[in-house]
PDB file of N, CA and C in Angstrom:
ATOM      1  N   MET A   1      72.960  36.650  45.587  1.00  0.00           N
ATOM      2  CA  MET A   1      74.108  37.022  44.724  1.00  0.00           C
ATOM      3  C   MET A   1      74.608  38.414  44.831  1.00  0.00           C
ATOM      4  N   ASN A   2      75.829  38.721  44.905  1.00  0.00           N
ATOM      5  CA  ASN A   2      76.315  40.082  45.199  1.00  0.00           C
ATOM      6  C   ASN A   2      76.182  40.908  43.821  1.00  0.00           C
ATOM      7  N   SER A   3      76.022  42.186  44.025  1.00  0.00           N
ATOM      8  CA  SER A   3      75.939  43.095  42.939  1.00  0.00           C
ATOM      9  C   SER A   3      77.012  44.190  43.115  1.00  0.00           C
ATOM     10  N   TYR A   4      77.580  44.510  42.067  1.00  0.00           N
ATOM     11  CA  TYR A   4      78.758  45.510  41.993  1.00  0.00           C
ATOM     12  C   TYR A   4      78.520  46.510  40.793  1.00  0.00           C
ATOM     13  N   VAL A   5      79.033  47.744  40.946  1.00  0.00           N
ATOM     14  CA  VAL A   5      79.087  48.640  39.896  1.00  0.00           C
ATOM     15  C   VAL A   5      80.649  48.937  39.722  1.00  0.00           C
ATOM     16  N   ALA A   6      81.056  48.737  38.526  1.00  0.00           N
ATOM     17  CA  ALA A   6      82.504  49.036  38.246  1.00  0.00           C
ATOM     18  C   ALA A   6      82.607  50.422  37.702  1.00  0.00           C
ATOM     19  N   ASP A   7      83.560  51.206  38.185  1.00  0.00           N
ATOM     20  CA  ASP A   7      83.790  52.583  37.492  1.00  0.00           C
ATOM     21  C   ASP A   7      84.544  52.461  36.363  1.00  0.00           C
ATOM     22  N   THR A   8      84.714  53.487  35.690  1.00  0.00           N
ATOM     23  CA  THR A   8      85.462  53.497  34.303  1.00  0.00           C
ATOM     24  C   THR A   8      86.740  52.837  34.394  1.00  0.00           C
ATOM     25  N   MET A   9      87.579  53.229  35.310  1.00  0.00           N
ATOM     26  CA  MET A   9      88.981  52.819  35.366  1.00  0.00           C
ATOM     27  C   MET A   9      88.967  51.223  35.630  1.00  0.00           C
ATOM     28  N   ALA A  10      88.123  50.769  36.523  1.00  0.00           N
ATOM     29  CA  ALA A  10      88.054  49.314  36.797  1.00  0.00           C
ATOM     30  C   ALA A  10      87.713  48.579  35.493  1.00  0.00           C
ATOM     31  N   ILE A  11      86.752  49.149  34.740  1.00  0.00           N
ATOM     32  CA  ILE A  11      86.354  48.445  33.377  1.00  0.00           C
ATOM     33  C   ILE A  11      87.561  48.442  32.501  1.00  0.00           C
ATOM     34  N   VAL A  12      88.262  49.547  32.422  1.00  0.00           N
ATOM     35  CA  VAL A  12      89.429  49.666  31.483  1.00  0.00           C
ATOM     36  C   VAL A  12      90.523  48.580  31.908  1.00  0.00           C
ATOM     37  N   LEU A  13      90.905  48.665  33.213  1.00  0.00           N
ATOM     38  CA  LEU A  13      91.832  47.640  33.646  1.00  0.00           C
ATOM     39  C   LEU A  13      91.447  46.264  33.318  1.00  0.00           C
ATOM     40  N   TYR A  14      90.218  45.843  33.529  1.00  0.00           N
ATOM     41  CA  TYR A  14      89.818  44.497  33.231  1.00  0.00           C
ATOM     42  C   TYR A  14      89.877  44.207  31.830  1.00  0.00           C
ATOM     43  N   LEU A  15      89.387  45.084  30.882  1.00  0.00           N
ATOM     44  CA  LEU A  15      89.182  44.791  29.562  1.00  0.00           C
ATOM     45  C   LEU A  15      90.744  44.728  28.839  1.00  0.00           C
ATOM     46  N   GLU A  16      91.538  45.575  29.497  1.00  0.00           N
ATOM     47  CA  GLU A  16      92.897  45.546  28.844  1.00  0.00           C
ATOM     48  C   GLU A  16      93.797  44.696  29.583  1.00  0.00           C
ATOM     49  N   ASN A  17      93.207  43.898  30.486  1.00  0.00           N
ATOM     50  CA  ASN A  17      94.009  42.843  31.194  1.00  0.00           C
ATOM     51  C   ASN A  17      95.298  43.417  31.877  1.00  0.00           C
ATOM     52  N   ARG A  18      95.036  44.652  32.490  1.00  0.00           N
ATOM     53  CA  ARG A  18      96.102  45.261  33.235  1.00  0.00           C
ATOM     54  C   ARG A  18      96.000  44.776  34.720  1.00  0.00           C
ATOM     55  N   LYS A  19      97.119  45.128  35.444  1.00  0.00           N
ATOM     56  CA  LYS A  19      97.159  44.627  36.768  1.00  0.00           C
ATOM     57  C   LYS A  19      96.263  45.429  37.723  1.00  0.00           C
ATOM     58  N   PHE A  20      95.501  44.742  38.511  1.00  0.00           N
ATOM     59  CA  PHE A  20      94.775  45.351  39.620  1.00  0.00           C
ATOM     60  C   PHE A  20      94.705  44.423  40.800  1.00  0.00           C
ATOM     61  N   PRO A  21      94.263  44.912  41.973  1.00  0.00           N
ATOM     62  CA  PRO A  21      94.252  44.100  43.115  1.00  0.00           C
ATOM     63  C   PRO A  21      93.534  42.718  43.010  1.00  0.00           C
ATOM     64  N   ALA A  22      94.139  41.832  43.801  1.00  0.00           N
ATOM     65  CA  ALA A  22      93.621  40.402  43.559  1.00  0.00           C
ATOM     66  C   ALA A  22      92.180  40.315  43.892  1.00  0.00           C
ATOM     67  N   ASN A  23      91.590  41.118  45.051  1.00  0.00           N
ATOM     68  CA  ASN A  23      90.226  40.999  45.306  1.00  0.00           C
ATOM     69  C   ASN A  23      89.335  41.537  44.162  1.00  0.00           C
ATOM     70  N   ILE A  24      89.801  42.505  43.556  1.00  0.00           N
ATOM     71  CA  ILE A  24      89.020  43.001  42.394  1.00  0.00           C
ATOM     72  C   ILE A  24      89.008  42.089  41.261  1.00  0.00           C
ATOM     73  N   LYS A  25      90.102  41.387  40.981  1.00  0.00           N
ATOM     74  CA  LYS A  25      90.256  40.357  40.049  1.00  0.00           C
ATOM     75  C   LYS A  25      89.291  39.269  40.235  1.00  0.00           C
ATOM     76  N   LYS A  26      89.152  38.832  41.594  1.00  0.00           N
ATOM     77  CA  LYS A  26      88.259  37.857  41.958  1.00  0.00           C
ATOM     78  C   LYS A  26      86.887  38.171  41.729  1.00  0.00           C
ATOM     79  N   ILE A  27      86.469  39.451  42.054  1.00  0.00           N
ATOM     80  CA  ILE A  27      85.155  39.862  41.763  1.00  0.00           C
ATOM     81  C   ILE A  27      84.797  39.823  40.352  1.00  0.00           C
ATOM     82  N   PHE A  28      85.621  40.216  39.449  1.00  0.00           N
ATOM     83  CA  PHE A  28      85.392  40.022  37.966  1.00  0.00           C
ATOM     84  C   PHE A  28      85.365  38.570  37.617  1.00  0.00           C
ATOM     85  N   THR A  29      86.156  37.769  38.155  1.00  0.00           N
ATOM     86  CA  THR A  29      86.132  36.293  37.841  1.00  0.00           C
ATOM     87  C   THR A  29      84.801  35.696  38.434  1.00  0.00           C
ATOM     88  N   ASP A  30      84.391  36.043  39.513  1.00  0.00           N
ATOM     89  CA  ASP A  30      83.118  35.605  40.028  1.00  0.00           C
ATOM     90  C   ASP A  30      81.982  35.971  39.109  1.00  0.00           C
ATOM     91  N   THR A  31      82.104  37.143  38.546  1.00  0.00           N
ATOM     92  CA  THR A  31      81.016  37.646  37.691  1.00  0.00           C
ATOM     93  C   THR A  31      80.984  36.847  36.489  1.00  0.00           C
ATOM     94  N   GLU A  32      82.099  36.661  35.849  1.00  0.00           N
ATOM     95  CA  GLU A  32      82.423  35.752  34.687  1.00  0.00           C
ATOM     96  C   GLU A  32      81.685  34.465  34.991  1.00  0.00           C
ATOM     97  N   GLN A  33      81.776  33.938  36.081  1.00  0.00           N
ATOM     98  CA  GLN A  33      81.223  32.571  36.446  1.00  0.00           C
ATOM     99  C   GLN A  33      79.910  32.525  36.935  1.00  0.00           C
ATOM    100  N   GLY A  34      79.233  33.699  36.928  1.00  0.00           N
ATOM    101  CA  GLY A  34      77.881  33.775  37.308  1.00  0.00           C
ATOM    102  C   GLY A  34      77.582  33.772  38.771  1.00  0.00           C
ATOM    103  N   LYS A  35      78.620  34.080  39.563  1.00  0.00           N
ATOM    104  CA  LYS A  35      78.524  34.109  41.041  1.00  0.00           C
ATOM    105  C   LYS A  35      78.151  35.667  41.535  1.00  0.00           C
ATOM    106  N   SER A  36      78.124  36.558  40.714  1.00  0.00           N
ATOM    107  CA  SER A  36      77.733  38.007  41.003  1.00  0.00           C
ATOM    108  C   SER A  36      77.373  38.662  39.763  1.00  0.00           C
ATOM    109  N   THR A  37      76.850  39.801  39.953  1.00  0.00           N
ATOM    110  CA  THR A  37      76.364  40.648  38.838  1.00  0.00           C
ATOM    111  C   THR A  37      77.104  41.958  38.907  1.00  0.00           C
ATOM    112  N   MET A  38      77.675  42.386  37.705  1.00  0.00           N
ATOM    113  CA  MET A  38      78.291  43.685  37.659  1.00  0.00           C
ATOM    114  C   MET A  38      77.658  44.611  36.689  1.00  0.00           C
ATOM    115  N   TYR A  39      77.447  45.778  37.194  1.00  0.00           N
ATOM    116  CA  TYR A  39      76.861  46.861  36.291  1.00  0.00           C
ATOM    117  C   TYR A  39      77.858  47.819  35.987  1.00  0.00           C
ATOM    118  N   PHE A  40      77.720  48.350  34.685  1.00  0.00           N
ATOM    119  CA  PHE A  40      78.535  49.388  34.145  1.00  0.00           C
ATOM    120  C   PHE A  40      77.522  50.555  33.904  1.00  0.00           C
ATOM    121  N   SER A  41      77.812  51.782  34.491  1.00  0.00           N
ATOM    122  CA  SER A  41      77.059  52.942  34.219  1.00  0.00           C
ATOM    123  C   SER A  41      77.230  53.347  32.825  1.00  0.00           C
ATOM    124  N   ALA A  42      76.124  53.816  32.215  1.00  0.00           N
ATOM    125  CA  ALA A  42      76.193  54.339  30.820  1.00  0.00           C
ATOM    126  C   ALA A  42      77.224  55.507  30.693  1.00  0.00           C
ATOM    127  N   VAL A  43      77.433  56.227  31.901  1.00  0.00           N
ATOM    128  CA  VAL A  43      78.334  57.277  31.894  1.00  0.00           C
ATOM    129  C   VAL A  43      79.867  56.685  31.693  1.00  0.00           C
ATOM    130  N   SER A  44      80.053  55.489  32.193  1.00  0.00           N
ATOM    131  CA  SER A  44      81.426  54.903  31.921  1.00  0.00           C
ATOM    132  C   SER A  44      81.615  54.541  30.538  1.00  0.00           C
ATOM    133  N   LEU A  45      80.545  54.163  29.755  1.00  0.00           N
ATOM    134  CA  LEU A  45      80.668  53.935  28.419  1.00  0.00           C
ATOM    135  C   LEU A  45      81.018  55.127  27.653  1.00  0.00           C
ATOM    136  N   MET A  46      80.372  56.326  28.132  1.00  0.00           N
ATOM    137  CA  MET A  46      80.739  57.483  27.421  1.00  0.00           C
ATOM    138  C   MET A  46      82.185  57.880  27.683  1.00  0.00           C
ATOM    139  N   GLU A  47      82.677  57.742  28.991  1.00  0.00           N
ATOM    140  CA  GLU A  47      84.111  58.022  29.329  1.00  0.00           C
ATOM    141  C   GLU A  47      84.988  57.085  28.460  1.00  0.00           C
ATOM    142  N   ILE A  48      84.709  55.942  28.301  1.00  0.00           N
ATOM    143  CA  ILE A  48      85.465  54.980  27.492  1.00  0.00           C
ATOM    144  C   ILE A  48      85.462  55.397  26.086  1.00  0.00           C
ATOM    145  N   GLY A  49      84.363  55.719  25.583  1.00  0.00           N
ATOM    146  CA  GLY A  49      84.334  56.273  24.165  1.00  0.00           C
ATOM    147  C   GLY A  49      85.203  57.411  24.042  1.00  0.00           C
ATOM    148  N   TYR A  50      85.106  58.377  24.876  1.00  0.00           N
ATOM    149  CA  TYR A  50      85.992  59.606  24.767  1.00  0.00           C
ATOM    150  C   TYR A  50      87.497  59.304  24.956  1.00  0.00           C
ATOM    151  N   LEU A  51      87.812  58.444  26.000  1.00  0.00           N
ATOM    152  CA  LEU A  51      89.266  58.146  26.173  1.00  0.00           C
ATOM    153  C   LEU A  51      89.803  57.335  25.039  1.00  0.00           C
ATOM    154  N   SER A  52      88.958  56.473  24.305  1.00  0.00           N
ATOM    155  CA  SER A  52      89.363  55.705  23.230  1.00  0.00           C
ATOM    156  C   SER A  52      89.674  56.592  22.006  1.00  0.00           C
ATOM    157  N   GLU A  53      88.646  57.600  21.777  1.00  0.00           N
ATOM    158  CA  GLU A  53      88.745  58.503  20.724  1.00  0.00           C
ATOM    159  C   GLU A  53      90.004  59.301  20.882  1.00  0.00           C
ATOM    160  N   LYS A  54      90.432  59.592  22.120  1.00  0.00           N
ATOM    161  CA  LYS A  54      91.624  60.462  22.275  1.00  0.00           C
ATOM    162  C   LYS A  54      92.886  59.577  22.265  1.00  0.00           C
ATOM    163  N   SER A  55      92.749  58.283  22.049  1.00  0.00           N
ATOM    164  CA  SER A  55      93.871  57.287  22.148  1.00  0.00           C
ATOM    165  C   SER A  55      94.549  57.242  23.515  1.00  0.00           C
ATOM    166  N   ARG A  56      93.893  57.298  24.572  1.00  0.00           N
ATOM    167  CA  ARG A  56      94.421  57.335  25.926  1.00  0.00           C
ATOM    168  C   ARG A  56      94.203  55.881  26.463  1.00  0.00           C
ATOM    169  N   ILE A  57      93.351  55.110  25.877  1.00  0.00           N
ATOM    170  CA  ILE A  57      93.240  53.745  26.232  1.00  0.00           C
ATOM    171  C   ILE A  57      93.009  52.894  24.971  1.00  0.00           C
ATOM    172  N   ASP A  58      93.241  51.583  25.046  1.00  0.00           N
ATOM    173  CA  ASP A  58      93.204  50.607  23.943  1.00  0.00           C
ATOM    174  C   ASP A  58      91.843  50.072  23.761  1.00  0.00           C
ATOM    175  N   THR A  59      90.978  50.001  24.897  1.00  0.00           N
ATOM    176  CA  THR A  59      89.672  49.455  24.763  1.00  0.00           C
ATOM    177  C   THR A  59      88.687  50.441  24.211  1.00  0.00           C
ATOM    178  N   SER A  60      87.571  49.926  23.846  1.00  0.00           N
ATOM    179  CA  SER A  60      86.510  50.839  23.168  1.00  0.00           C
ATOM    180  C   SER A  60      85.130  50.497  23.842  1.00  0.00           C
ATOM    181  N   ILE A  61      84.151  51.329  23.267  1.00  0.00           N
ATOM    182  CA  ILE A  61      82.796  50.968  23.665  1.00  0.00           C
ATOM    183  C   ILE A  61      82.388  49.663  23.181  1.00  0.00           C
ATOM    184  N   SER A  62      82.846  49.360  21.955  1.00  0.00           N
ATOM    185  CA  SER A  62      82.458  48.043  21.375  1.00  0.00           C
ATOM    186  C   SER A  62      82.984  46.768  22.172  1.00  0.00           C
ATOM    187  N   SER A  63      84.126  47.020  22.882  1.00  0.00           N
ATOM    188  CA  SER A  63      84.589  45.951  23.789  1.00  0.00           C
ATOM    189  C   SER A  63      83.638  45.721  24.897  1.00  0.00           C
ATOM    190  N   VAL A  64      83.281  46.828  25.522  1.00  0.00           N
ATOM    191  CA  VAL A  64      82.232  46.669  26.634  1.00  0.00           C
ATOM    192  C   VAL A  64      80.819  46.082  26.174  1.00  0.00           C
ATOM    193  N   ILE A  65      80.391  46.529  25.165  1.00  0.00           N
ATOM    194  CA  ILE A  65      79.160  46.076  24.601  1.00  0.00           C
ATOM    195  C   ILE A  65      79.287  44.477  24.179  1.00  0.00           C
ATOM    196  N   ALA A  66      80.485  44.067  23.689  1.00  0.00           N
ATOM    197  CA  ALA A  66      80.736  42.737  23.435  1.00  0.00           C
ATOM    198  C   ALA A  66      80.702  41.997  24.575  1.00  0.00           C
ATOM    199  N   LEU A  67      81.336  42.335  25.646  1.00  0.00           N
ATOM    200  CA  LEU A  67      81.355  41.663  26.994  1.00  0.00           C
ATOM    201  C   LEU A  67      79.926  41.499  27.461  1.00  0.00           C
ATOM    202  N   THR A  68      79.077  42.481  27.371  1.00  0.00           N
ATOM    203  CA  THR A  68      77.814  42.372  27.882  1.00  0.00           C
ATOM    204  C   THR A  68      76.829  41.396  27.142  1.00  0.00           C
ATOM    205  N   LYS A  69      77.272  41.167  25.932  1.00  0.00           N
ATOM    206  CA  LYS A  69      76.509  40.334  25.050  1.00  0.00           C
ATOM    207  C   LYS A  69      76.930  38.861  25.251  1.00  0.00           C
ATOM    208  N   GLU A  70      78.271  38.788  25.606  1.00  0.00           N
ATOM    209  CA  GLU A  70      78.794  37.381  25.797  1.00  0.00           C
ATOM    210  C   GLU A  70      78.449  36.869  27.151  1.00  0.00           C
ATOM    211  N   ASN A  71      78.316  37.787  28.180  1.00  0.00           N
ATOM    212  CA  ASN A  71      78.015  37.262  29.548  1.00  0.00           C
ATOM    213  C   ASN A  71      76.979  38.159  30.123  1.00  0.00           C
ATOM    214  N   LYS A  72      75.830  37.546  30.436  1.00  0.00           N
ATOM    215  CA  LYS A  72      74.634  38.207  30.971  1.00  0.00           C
ATOM    216  C   LYS A  72      74.844  38.790  32.369  1.00  0.00           C
ATOM    217  N   ASN A  73      75.957  38.516  33.013  1.00  0.00           N
ATOM    218  CA  ASN A  73      76.181  38.912  34.392  1.00  0.00           C
ATOM    219  C   ASN A  73      76.862  40.358  34.410  1.00  0.00           C
ATOM    220  N   PHE A  74      77.210  40.756  33.247  1.00  0.00           N
ATOM    221  CA  PHE A  74      77.795  42.144  32.949  1.00  0.00           C
ATOM    222  C   PHE A  74      76.646  42.953  32.311  1.00  0.00           C
ATOM    223  N   ILE A  75      76.237  43.971  32.916  1.00  0.00           N
ATOM    224  CA  ILE A  75      74.998  44.730  32.555  1.00  0.00           C
ATOM    225  C   ILE A  75      75.315  46.217  32.492  1.00  0.00           C
ATOM    226  N   VAL A  76      74.975  46.750  31.253  1.00  0.00           N
ATOM    227  CA  VAL A  76      75.078  48.301  31.309  1.00  0.00           C
ATOM    228  C   VAL A  76      73.706  48.913  31.898  1.00  0.00           C
ATOM    229  N   HIS A  77      73.902  49.780  32.855  1.00  0.00           N
ATOM    230  CA  HIS A  77      72.736  50.427  33.527  1.00  0.00           C
ATOM    231  C   HIS A  77      72.561  51.802  32.861  1.00  0.00           C
ATOM    232  N   SER A  78      71.398  52.031  32.273  1.00  0.00           N
ATOM    233  CA  SER A  78      71.129  53.243  31.652  1.00  0.00           C
ATOM    234  C   SER A  78      71.064  54.402  32.597  1.00  0.00           C
ATOM    235  N   LEU A  79      71.264  55.573  31.985  1.00  0.00           N
ATOM    236  CA  LEU A  79      71.321  56.806  32.730  1.00  0.00           C
ATOM    237  C   LEU A  79      69.838  57.252  32.672  1.00  0.00           C
ATOM    238  N   ASP A  80      69.128  57.187  33.746  1.00  0.00           N
ATOM    239  CA  ASP A  80      67.748  57.620  33.884  1.00  0.00           C
ATOM    240  C   ASP A  80      67.557  58.811  34.799  1.00  0.00           C
ATOM    241  N   PRO A  81      66.286  59.369  34.760  1.00  0.00           N
ATOM    242  CA  PRO A  81      66.075  60.533  35.701  1.00  0.00           C
ATOM    243  C   PRO A  81      66.307  60.252  37.148  1.00  0.00           C
ATOM    244  N   GLU A  82      65.954  58.876  37.704  1.00  0.00           N
ATOM    245  CA  GLU A  82      66.214  58.748  39.105  1.00  0.00           C
ATOM    246  C   GLU A  82      67.763  58.776  39.378  1.00  0.00           C
ATOM    247  N   THR A  83      68.646  58.247  38.458  1.00  0.00           N
ATOM    248  CA  THR A  83      70.049  58.314  38.746  1.00  0.00           C
ATOM    249  C   THR A  83      70.523  59.644  38.776  1.00  0.00           C
ATOM    250  N   VAL A  84      69.979  60.500  37.779  1.00  0.00           N
ATOM    251  CA  VAL A  84      70.491  61.888  37.768  1.00  0.00           C
ATOM    252  C   VAL A  84      69.938  62.654  39.029  1.00  0.00           C
ATOM    253  N   PHE A  85      68.803  62.437  39.435  1.00  0.00           N
ATOM    254  CA  PHE A  85      68.339  62.989  40.797  1.00  0.00           C
ATOM    255  C   PHE A  85      69.215  62.659  41.896  1.00  0.00           C
ATOM    256  N   GLU A  86      69.513  61.314  42.024  1.00  0.00           N
ATOM    257  CA  GLU A  86      70.412  60.845  43.108  1.00  0.00           C
ATOM    258  C   GLU A  86      71.748  61.408  42.986  1.00  0.00           C
ATOM    259  N   ALA A  87      72.302  61.675  41.904  1.00  0.00           N
ATOM    260  CA  ALA A  87      73.594  62.241  41.718  1.00  0.00           C
ATOM    261  C   ALA A  87      73.736  63.628  42.313  1.00  0.00           C
ATOM    262  N   PHE A  88      72.657  64.436  42.228  1.00  0.00           N
ATOM    263  CA  PHE A  88      72.694  65.755  42.753  1.00  0.00           C
ATOM    264  C   PHE A  88      72.470  65.817  44.229  1.00  0.00           C
ATOM    265  N   LYS A  89      72.252  64.727  44.838  1.00  0.00           N
ATOM    266  CA  LYS A  89      72.174  64.605  46.369  1.00  0.00           C
ATOM    267  C   LYS A  89      73.584  64.508  46.920  1.00  0.00           C
ATOM    268  N   ILE A  90      74.498  64.103  46.008  1.00  0.00           N
ATOM    269  CA  ILE A  90      75.887  63.894  46.468  1.00  0.00           C
ATOM    270  C   ILE A  90      76.614  65.269  46.390  1.00  0.00           C
ATOM    271  N   LYS A  91      77.030  65.696  47.564  1.00  0.00           N
ATOM    272  CA  LYS A  91      77.577  67.052  47.639  1.00  0.00           C
ATOM    273  C   LYS A  91      79.107  66.979  47.774  1.00  0.00           C
ATOM    274  N   ASN A  92      79.690  65.831  48.180  1.00  0.00           N
ATOM    275  CA  ASN A  92      81.031  65.773  48.376  1.00  0.00           C
ATOM    276  C   ASN A  92      81.875  65.128  47.387  1.00  0.00           C
ATOM    277  N   ILE A  93      81.303  64.884  46.215  1.00  0.00           N
ATOM    278  CA  ILE A  93      82.034  64.454  45.062  1.00  0.00           C
ATOM    279  C   ILE A  93      81.822  65.543  43.955  1.00  0.00           C
ATOM    280  N   PRO A  94      82.819  66.325  43.595  1.00  0.00           N
ATOM    281  CA  PRO A  94      82.678  67.511  42.791  1.00  0.00           C
ATOM    282  C   PRO A  94      82.402  67.183  41.271  1.00  0.00           C
ATOM    283  N   GLU A  95      83.036  66.099  40.782  1.00  0.00           N
ATOM    284  CA  GLU A  95      82.997  65.802  39.320  1.00  0.00           C
ATOM    285  C   GLU A  95      81.688  65.053  38.941  1.00  0.00           C
ATOM    286  N   LEU A  96      81.017  65.635  38.013  1.00  0.00           N
ATOM    287  CA  LEU A  96      79.697  65.157  37.690  1.00  0.00           C
ATOM    288  C   LEU A  96      79.764  63.661  37.227  1.00  0.00           C
ATOM    289  N   HIS A  97      80.656  63.275  36.344  1.00  0.00           N
ATOM    290  CA  HIS A  97      80.633  61.798  35.960  1.00  0.00           C
ATOM    291  C   HIS A  97      80.872  60.880  37.140  1.00  0.00           C
ATOM    292  N   ASP A  98      81.665  61.363  38.099  1.00  0.00           N
ATOM    293  CA  ASP A  98      81.828  60.501  39.241  1.00  0.00           C
ATOM    294  C   ASP A  98      80.511  60.437  40.103  1.00  0.00           C
ATOM    295  N   ARG A  99      79.914  61.545  40.177  1.00  0.00           N
ATOM    296  CA  ARG A  99      78.556  61.549  41.021  1.00  0.00           C
ATOM    297  C   ARG A  99      77.634  60.481  40.228  1.00  0.00           C
ATOM    298  N   LEU A 100      77.546  60.638  38.974  1.00  0.00           N
ATOM    299  CA  LEU A 100      76.545  59.738  38.236  1.00  0.00           C
ATOM    300  C   LEU A 100      76.857  58.382  38.367  1.00  0.00           C
ATOM    301  N   ILE A 101      78.221  57.977  38.398  1.00  0.00           N
ATOM    302  CA  ILE A 101      78.636  56.608  38.576  1.00  0.00           C
ATOM    303  C   ILE A 101      78.263  56.083  40.030  1.00  0.00           C
ATOM    304  N   THR A 102      78.634  56.996  40.924  1.00  0.00           N
ATOM    305  CA  THR A 102      78.272  56.711  42.328  1.00  0.00           C
ATOM    306  C   THR A 102      76.818  56.610  42.588  1.00  0.00           C
ATOM    307  N   ALA A 103      76.050  57.475  42.001  1.00  0.00           N
ATOM    308  CA  ALA A 103      74.654  57.329  42.119  1.00  0.00           C
ATOM    309  C   ALA A 103      74.134  56.109  41.548  1.00  0.00           C
ATOM    310  N   THR A 104      74.624  55.594  40.526  1.00  0.00           N
ATOM    311  CA  THR A 104      74.244  54.268  39.883  1.00  0.00           C
ATOM    312  C   THR A 104      74.405  53.140  41.026  1.00  0.00           C
ATOM    313  N   ALA A 105      75.521  53.172  41.757  1.00  0.00           N
ATOM    314  CA  ALA A 105      75.690  52.233  42.795  1.00  0.00           C
ATOM    315  C   ALA A 105      74.721  52.398  43.930  1.00  0.00           C
ATOM    316  N   ALA A 106      74.415  53.644  44.254  1.00  0.00           N
ATOM    317  CA  ALA A 106      73.440  53.904  45.294  1.00  0.00           C
ATOM    318  C   ALA A 106      72.068  53.364  44.834  1.00  0.00           C
ATOM    319  N   ILE A 107      71.585  53.688  43.591  1.00  0.00           N
ATOM    320  CA  ILE A 107      70.312  53.215  43.129  1.00  0.00           C
ATOM    321  C   ILE A 107      70.169  51.667  43.099  1.00  0.00           C
ATOM    322  N   LEU A 108      71.293  51.020  42.714  1.00  0.00           N
ATOM    323  CA  LEU A 108      71.246  49.626  42.625  1.00  0.00           C
ATOM    324  C   LEU A 108      71.709  48.907  43.992  1.00  0.00           C
ATOM    325  N   LYS A 109      71.850  49.747  45.020  1.00  0.00           N
ATOM    326  CA  LYS A 109      72.270  49.129  46.291  1.00  0.00           C
ATOM    327  C   LYS A 109      73.410  48.239  46.144  1.00  0.00           C
ATOM    328  N   ALA A 110      74.436  48.640  45.295  1.00  0.00           N
ATOM    329  CA  ALA A 110      75.587  47.869  45.043  1.00  0.00           C
ATOM    330  C   ALA A 110      76.864  48.463  45.389  1.00  0.00           C
ATOM    331  N   ALA A 111      77.900  47.547  45.778  1.00  0.00           N
ATOM    332  CA  ALA A 111      79.307  48.210  46.109  1.00  0.00           C
ATOM    333  C   ALA A 111      79.860  48.710  44.869  1.00  0.00           C
ATOM    334  N   LEU A 112      80.634  49.829  44.986  1.00  0.00           N
ATOM    335  CA  LEU A 112      81.308  50.441  43.803  1.00  0.00           C
ATOM    336  C   LEU A 112      82.727  50.133  43.742  1.00  0.00           C
ATOM    337  N   ILE A 113      83.198  49.507  42.631  1.00  0.00           N
ATOM    338  CA  ILE A 113      84.508  49.124  42.574  1.00  0.00           C
ATOM    339  C   ILE A 113      85.250  50.405  41.935  1.00  0.00           C
ATOM    340  N   THR A 114      86.069  51.061  42.785  1.00  0.00           N
ATOM    341  CA  THR A 114      86.736  52.227  42.322  1.00  0.00           C
ATOM    342  C   THR A 114      88.098  52.441  43.036  1.00  0.00           C
ATOM    343  N   ASN A 115      89.095  53.015  42.445  1.00  0.00           N
ATOM    344  CA  ASN A 115      90.279  53.364  43.067  1.00  0.00           C
ATOM    345  C   ASN A 115      90.250  54.946  43.313  1.00  0.00           C
ATOM    346  N   ASP A 116      89.271  55.616  42.923  1.00  0.00           N
ATOM    347  CA  ASP A 116      89.180  57.046  43.043  1.00  0.00           C
ATOM    348  C   ASP A 116      89.104  57.521  44.467  1.00  0.00           C
ATOM    349  N   PRO A 117      90.112  58.174  45.010  1.00  0.00           N
ATOM    350  CA  PRO A 117      90.209  58.521  46.502  1.00  0.00           C
ATOM    351  C   PRO A 117      89.012  59.454  46.803  1.00  0.00           C
ATOM    352  N   ILE A 118      88.510  60.411  45.936  1.00  0.00           N
ATOM    353  CA  ILE A 118      87.490  61.280  46.351  1.00  0.00           C
ATOM    354  C   ILE A 118      86.217  60.522  46.433  1.00  0.00           C
ATOM    355  N   ILE A 119      85.835  59.554  45.600  1.00  0.00           N
ATOM    356  CA  ILE A 119      84.783  58.773  45.712  1.00  0.00           C
ATOM    357  C   ILE A 119      84.773  57.905  46.981  1.00  0.00           C
ATOM    358  N   ARG A 120      85.881  57.401  47.219  1.00  0.00           N
ATOM    359  CA  ARG A 120      85.973  56.421  48.366  1.00  0.00           C
ATOM    360  C   ARG A 120      85.880  57.275  49.710  1.00  0.00           C
ATOM    361  N   GLN A 121      86.528  58.477  49.675  1.00  0.00           N
ATOM    362  CA  GLN A 121      86.431  59.317  50.994  1.00  0.00           C
ATOM    363  C   GLN A 121      84.937  59.862  51.129  1.00  0.00           C
ATOM    364  N   SER A 122      84.177  59.992  50.108  1.00  0.00           N
ATOM    365  CA  SER A 122      82.836  60.422  50.320  1.00  0.00           C
ATOM    366  C   SER A 122      81.976  59.560  51.099  1.00  0.00           C
ATOM    367  N   GLN A 123      82.239  58.269  51.082  1.00  0.00           N
ATOM    368  CA  GLN A 123      81.486  57.333  51.849  1.00  0.00           C
ATOM    369  C   GLN A 123      79.987  57.317  51.568  1.00  0.00           C
ATOM    370  N   TYR A 124      79.677  57.882  50.352  1.00  0.00           N
ATOM    371  CA  TYR A 124      78.184  57.879  49.895  1.00  0.00           C
ATOM    372  C   TYR A 124      77.760  56.415  49.649  1.00  0.00           C
ATOM    373  N   VAL A 125      78.536  55.514  49.129  1.00  0.00           N
ATOM    374  CA  VAL A 125      78.163  54.155  48.883  1.00  0.00           C
ATOM    375  C   VAL A 125      79.543  53.399  49.359  1.00  0.00           C
ATOM    376  N   GLU A 126      79.180  52.106  49.601  1.00  0.00           N
ATOM    377  CA  GLU A 126      80.281  51.128  49.849  1.00  0.00           C
ATOM    378  C   GLU A 126      81.259  51.100  48.683  1.00  0.00           C
ATOM    379  N   THR A 127      82.519  51.278  48.956  1.00  0.00           N
ATOM    380  CA  THR A 127      83.546  51.013  47.811  1.00  0.00           C
ATOM    381  C   THR A 127      84.447  49.946  48.181  1.00  0.00           C
ATOM    382  N   ILE A 128      84.937  49.422  47.046  1.00  0.00           N
ATOM    383  CA  ILE A 128      85.917  48.272  47.073  1.00  0.00           C
ATOM    384  C   ILE A 128      87.125  48.611  46.184  1.00  0.00           C
ATOM    385  N   TRP A 129      88.277  48.411  46.716  1.00  0.00           N
ATOM    386  CA  TRP A 129      89.552  48.430  45.882  1.00  0.00           C
ATOM    387  C   TRP A 129      90.577  47.737  46.607  1.00  0.00           C
TER     388      TRP A 129
END
C-alpha cells in the first residue's frame, strides 16, 4: 500500500473541495477507498488552526480530526523528537514548518504531496503535485 504525507495546502484544498491536479485528487480518492495511507503532520494541524483563526481558510482543525475519525486511512502523525531531529538535517528548506512537514515524509518514507516550489526543489523527499 502506498503512503503519502499531505502538506497543509493539499489538506486545505481537499477539505474545501477546491480544484487541484487530477493525480492528487486520485491519491485522495484512493486513500478514501483504502488503497493508500495518508498522513498529516501535526504541524499542518497547527497551520490550519492558525489560518482558520485568521479567517484565511474555511476549514478548521475540527474538520481534519473528523476526517481522521471517519476514515482510518487518514492519520495525524505526531511531532516527536525524531521528526524534529530530522528537520534540522534539512538545510535547503529555510522555513521551519516546511522542514518539519518534509521531515515527517522522510521519517515515514512517504511521498510528500506539495505544490511548494522550495520543498520540491530541495529533493529531500519524493514530492508529488
